Protein backbone atom coordinates (compact mmCIF):
# COMPACT_ATOMS: atom_id res chain seq x y z
CA MET A 1 0.02 -0.05 -0.04
CA LEU A 2 1.42 3.32 -1.10
CA PHE A 3 1.96 5.76 1.73
CA GLN A 4 -0.17 8.67 -0.11
CA ILE A 5 -3.00 6.02 -0.19
CA TRP A 6 -2.69 5.03 3.22
CA LEU A 7 -3.03 8.69 4.26
CA ALA A 8 -6.32 8.97 2.25
CA TYR A 9 -7.28 5.86 4.19
CA MET A 10 -6.44 7.25 7.55
CA ALA A 11 -8.43 10.37 6.93
CA ALA A 12 -11.43 8.23 5.97
CA CYS A 13 -11.09 6.10 9.18
CA TRP A 14 -11.09 9.32 11.32
CA VAL A 15 -14.36 10.42 9.56
CA ILE A 16 -15.95 7.16 10.01
CA SER A 17 -14.87 6.75 13.78
CA VAL A 18 -15.95 10.27 14.75
CA SER A 19 -19.36 10.14 13.02
CA PRO A 20 -21.90 9.35 16.02
CA GLY A 21 -23.35 5.99 15.82
CA ALA A 22 -24.29 3.25 18.05
CA GLY A 23 -20.77 2.53 19.08
CA ALA A 24 -20.28 6.03 20.33
CA ILE A 25 -23.54 5.70 22.11
CA ALA A 26 -22.48 2.41 23.86
CA SER A 27 -19.01 3.87 24.87
CA MET A 28 -20.65 6.85 26.29
CA SER A 29 -23.11 5.01 27.99
CA SER A 30 -20.37 2.64 29.46
CA GLY A 31 -18.31 5.72 30.61
CA LEU A 32 -21.18 7.10 32.28
CA ASN A 33 -21.94 3.98 34.16
CA TYR A 34 -18.80 2.65 35.12
CA GLY A 35 -16.23 5.38 34.74
CA PHE A 36 -13.41 5.55 32.18
CA ARG A 37 -11.05 2.64 33.40
CA ARG A 38 -13.97 -0.05 33.63
CA GLY A 39 -16.13 1.62 31.02
CA TYR A 40 -13.35 1.41 28.29
CA TRP A 41 -13.62 -2.39 28.16
CA ASN A 42 -16.86 -1.55 26.04
CA VAL A 43 -14.36 -0.25 23.21
CA ILE A 44 -12.35 -3.54 23.37
CA GLY A 45 -15.52 -5.50 22.60
CA LEU A 46 -16.44 -2.83 19.64
CA GLN A 47 -12.70 -3.57 18.27
CA ILE A 48 -13.13 -7.36 18.44
CA ALA A 49 -16.23 -6.97 16.34
CA LEU A 50 -14.74 -4.50 14.04
CA LEU A 51 -11.70 -7.01 13.25
CA VAL A 52 -14.36 -9.85 12.72
CA GLN A 53 -16.16 -7.68 10.26
CA ILE A 54 -13.00 -6.81 8.48
CA CYS A 55 -11.86 -10.60 8.12
CA ILE A 56 -15.64 -11.30 6.88
CA VAL A 57 -15.09 -8.63 4.32
CA ALA A 58 -11.54 -9.85 3.52
CA ALA A 59 -12.82 -13.31 2.95
CA GLY A 60 -15.46 -12.16 0.79
CA VAL A 61 -18.22 -13.49 2.65
CA GLY A 62 -19.37 -9.58 3.10
CA VAL A 63 -20.91 -10.30 -0.59
CA LEU A 64 -23.53 -12.24 1.19
CA PHE A 65 -24.88 -9.41 2.97
CA ALA A 66 -24.78 -7.10 0.11
CA THR A 67 -26.69 -9.64 -2.27
CA THR A 68 -28.74 -11.80 0.05
CA PRO A 69 -31.72 -10.02 1.30
CA TRP A 70 -32.81 -12.28 4.16
CA ALA A 71 -29.13 -12.74 5.67
CA PHE A 72 -28.98 -8.89 5.80
CA LEU A 73 -32.34 -8.53 7.49
CA VAL A 74 -31.77 -11.08 9.88
CA VAL A 75 -28.70 -9.45 11.28
CA LYS A 76 -30.22 -5.95 10.93
CA TRP A 77 -33.27 -6.66 12.92
CA PHE A 78 -31.18 -8.71 15.49
CA GLY A 79 -29.33 -5.20 15.92
CA ILE A 80 -32.51 -3.26 16.20
CA LEU A 81 -33.77 -5.22 18.84
CA TYR A 82 -30.70 -5.47 20.93
CA LEU A 83 -30.57 -1.64 20.52
CA LEU A 84 -34.07 -1.41 21.90
CA TYR A 85 -33.34 -3.77 24.69
CA LEU A 86 -30.34 -1.57 25.71
CA ALA A 87 -32.66 1.29 25.54
CA TYR A 88 -34.94 -0.42 27.90
CA LEU A 89 -32.14 -1.38 30.25
CA GLN A 90 -30.87 2.10 30.50
CA TRP A 91 -34.45 3.79 30.94
CA THR A 92 -35.22 1.35 33.85
CA ALA A 93 -31.81 1.80 35.36
CA PRO A 94 -32.02 2.91 39.08
CA ALA A 95 -30.77 6.09 39.78
CA GLN A 96 -28.49 6.06 42.89
CA SER A 97 -26.18 8.72 44.48
CA ILE A 98 -22.82 8.64 42.93
CA ASP A 99 -21.18 8.51 46.54
CA ILE A 100 -23.14 5.19 47.53
CA GLN A 101 -22.59 3.19 44.19
CA SER A 102 -20.89 -0.25 45.13
CA GLU A 103 -18.06 -2.05 42.86
CA LYS A 104 -20.36 -5.15 43.51
CA LYS A 105 -23.09 -3.76 41.66
CA LEU A 106 -21.20 -3.19 38.50
CA LYS A 107 -21.29 -5.17 35.30
CA SER A 108 -18.26 -7.75 35.00
CA ILE A 109 -15.61 -6.82 32.53
CA PRO A 110 -16.34 -9.92 30.25
CA LYS A 111 -19.96 -8.76 29.99
CA ILE A 112 -19.00 -5.22 29.39
CA ILE A 113 -16.80 -6.68 26.44
CA LEU A 114 -19.51 -8.70 25.10
CA HIS A 115 -22.01 -5.83 25.28
CA GLY A 116 -19.69 -3.82 22.89
CA PHE A 117 -19.10 -6.83 20.61
CA ILE A 118 -22.72 -7.38 20.06
CA VAL A 119 -23.45 -3.87 19.35
CA ASN A 120 -21.01 -3.61 16.51
CA ILE A 121 -21.23 -7.11 15.32
CA SER A 122 -25.20 -6.91 14.94
CA ASN A 123 -24.82 -3.87 12.50
CA PRO A 124 -24.92 -5.38 9.13
CA LYS A 125 -24.63 -1.70 7.81
CA ALA A 126 -20.75 -1.87 9.15
CA ILE A 127 -20.11 -4.99 6.89
CA VAL A 128 -21.56 -3.88 3.58
CA PHE A 129 -19.74 -0.29 4.30
CA LEU A 130 -16.52 -1.86 5.00
CA LEU A 131 -17.16 -4.12 1.98
CA ALA A 132 -17.66 -0.87 -0.22
CA VAL A 133 -14.96 1.19 1.17
CA LEU A 134 -11.91 -1.21 2.16
CA PRO A 135 -11.36 -2.63 -1.48
CA GLN A 136 -11.04 1.05 -2.71
CA PHE A 137 -7.84 1.24 -1.09
CA LEU A 138 -6.40 -2.08 -2.40
CA ASP A 139 -3.33 -2.34 -4.67
CA LEU A 140 -4.35 -5.43 -6.61
CA SER A 141 -0.83 -5.94 -7.78
CA LYS A 142 0.51 -6.70 -4.22
CA PRO A 143 -0.60 -9.24 -1.49
CA GLN A 144 -4.19 -8.28 -0.23
CA TRP A 145 -3.83 -10.01 3.12
CA ILE A 146 -0.77 -7.72 4.20
CA GLN A 147 -2.92 -4.49 2.85
CA TYR A 148 -5.88 -5.80 4.91
CA VAL A 149 -3.82 -6.24 8.24
CA ILE A 150 -2.37 -2.56 7.62
CA MET A 151 -6.10 -1.04 7.05
CA ALA A 152 -7.41 -3.34 10.14
CA VAL A 153 -4.67 -1.93 12.49
CA THR A 154 -5.14 1.69 11.27
CA MET A 155 -8.75 1.58 11.69
CA VAL A 156 -8.89 -0.10 15.08
CA THR A 157 -6.18 2.12 16.54
CA ILE A 158 -8.13 5.24 15.31
CA ASP A 159 -11.58 3.92 16.64
CA MET A 160 -9.77 3.12 19.95
CA ILE A 161 -8.43 6.76 20.21
CA VAL A 162 -12.00 8.21 19.11
CA MET A 163 -14.04 5.75 21.41
CA ALA A 164 -11.69 6.71 24.35
CA GLY A 165 -12.55 10.14 23.95
CA TYR A 166 -16.42 9.50 24.03
CA THR A 167 -15.92 7.21 27.05
CA GLY A 168 -13.65 9.61 28.65
CA LEU A 169 -16.26 12.69 28.16
CA ALA A 170 -19.10 10.52 29.57
CA ALA A 171 -16.94 9.54 32.73
CA LYS A 172 -16.08 13.21 33.24
CA VAL A 173 -19.99 13.94 33.03
CA LEU A 174 -20.38 11.21 35.61
CA ARG A 175 -18.45 12.89 38.29
CA LEU A 176 -20.51 16.03 37.91
CA LEU A 177 -23.84 13.87 38.40
CA LYS A 178 -24.59 14.04 42.05
CA SER A 179 -28.24 13.79 42.58
CA GLN A 180 -30.61 10.55 41.75
CA LYS A 181 -32.75 13.13 39.51
CA GLN A 182 -29.54 14.21 37.39
CA GLN A 183 -28.67 10.58 36.98
CA LYS A 184 -32.38 9.72 36.00
CA ILE A 185 -32.46 12.38 33.27
CA MET A 186 -28.97 11.17 31.86
CA ASN A 187 -29.94 7.47 31.96
CA ARG A 188 -33.31 8.18 30.01
CA THR A 189 -31.18 10.38 27.65
CA PHE A 190 -29.08 7.57 26.68
CA ALA A 191 -32.32 5.43 26.43
CA VAL A 192 -33.58 7.79 23.91
CA LEU A 193 -30.45 7.94 22.07
CA PHE A 194 -30.22 3.95 21.82
CA SER A 195 -33.74 3.98 20.42
CA CYS A 196 -32.69 6.71 17.77
CA ALA A 197 -29.77 4.30 16.82
CA ALA A 198 -32.39 1.57 16.42
CA GLY A 199 -34.54 3.48 14.39
CA LEU A 200 -31.76 4.78 12.08
CA LEU A 201 -30.64 1.11 11.64
CA SER A 202 -34.36 0.19 10.83
CA LEU A 203 -34.02 2.54 7.79
CA VAL A 204 -30.74 1.05 6.39
CA HIS A 205 -31.40 -0.74 3.12
CA GLN A 206 -29.28 -2.75 1.17
């Protein structure tokens, strides 16, 4: 991959990562609920799913999602239902004073990672998008797997930086929320955002 092409790809990765989506909402929600250090494990789950999606595209299986309506719809509606489920959990989350929250009540790290993984892997738009974007930066005269590795490392690194920003921003907000009323408002705000993400996903077509 030529350096100039890599720079163009890197710029595209920044635009893709910064654009608000379900992953950004999940990162902010995790940072709000658990703070930065624990909440950042959600980002690890997001990146594992992203790597799986890139491997799917590299293997050519992504064509299935682009050409087979039922496969696309199954994954799409699973993602919609999961986002609505997250919205329900966030809406009904108990509001407690920050000072009396206990570590025992926090979700385990494996569950936080799984949460991030499901949010990303259940979005078929991501696979179709990667299928449309990644090949544009390939040099077909050179080994493709090396180029896919470079693109995967670049995209994951940038996305981890951006999601760290989203998680950290929410974690900062968390320290400012002292009353139960403020927490209740924030929980329901994220519930609405998850619902909006589900609504946007429902509008996605092949």
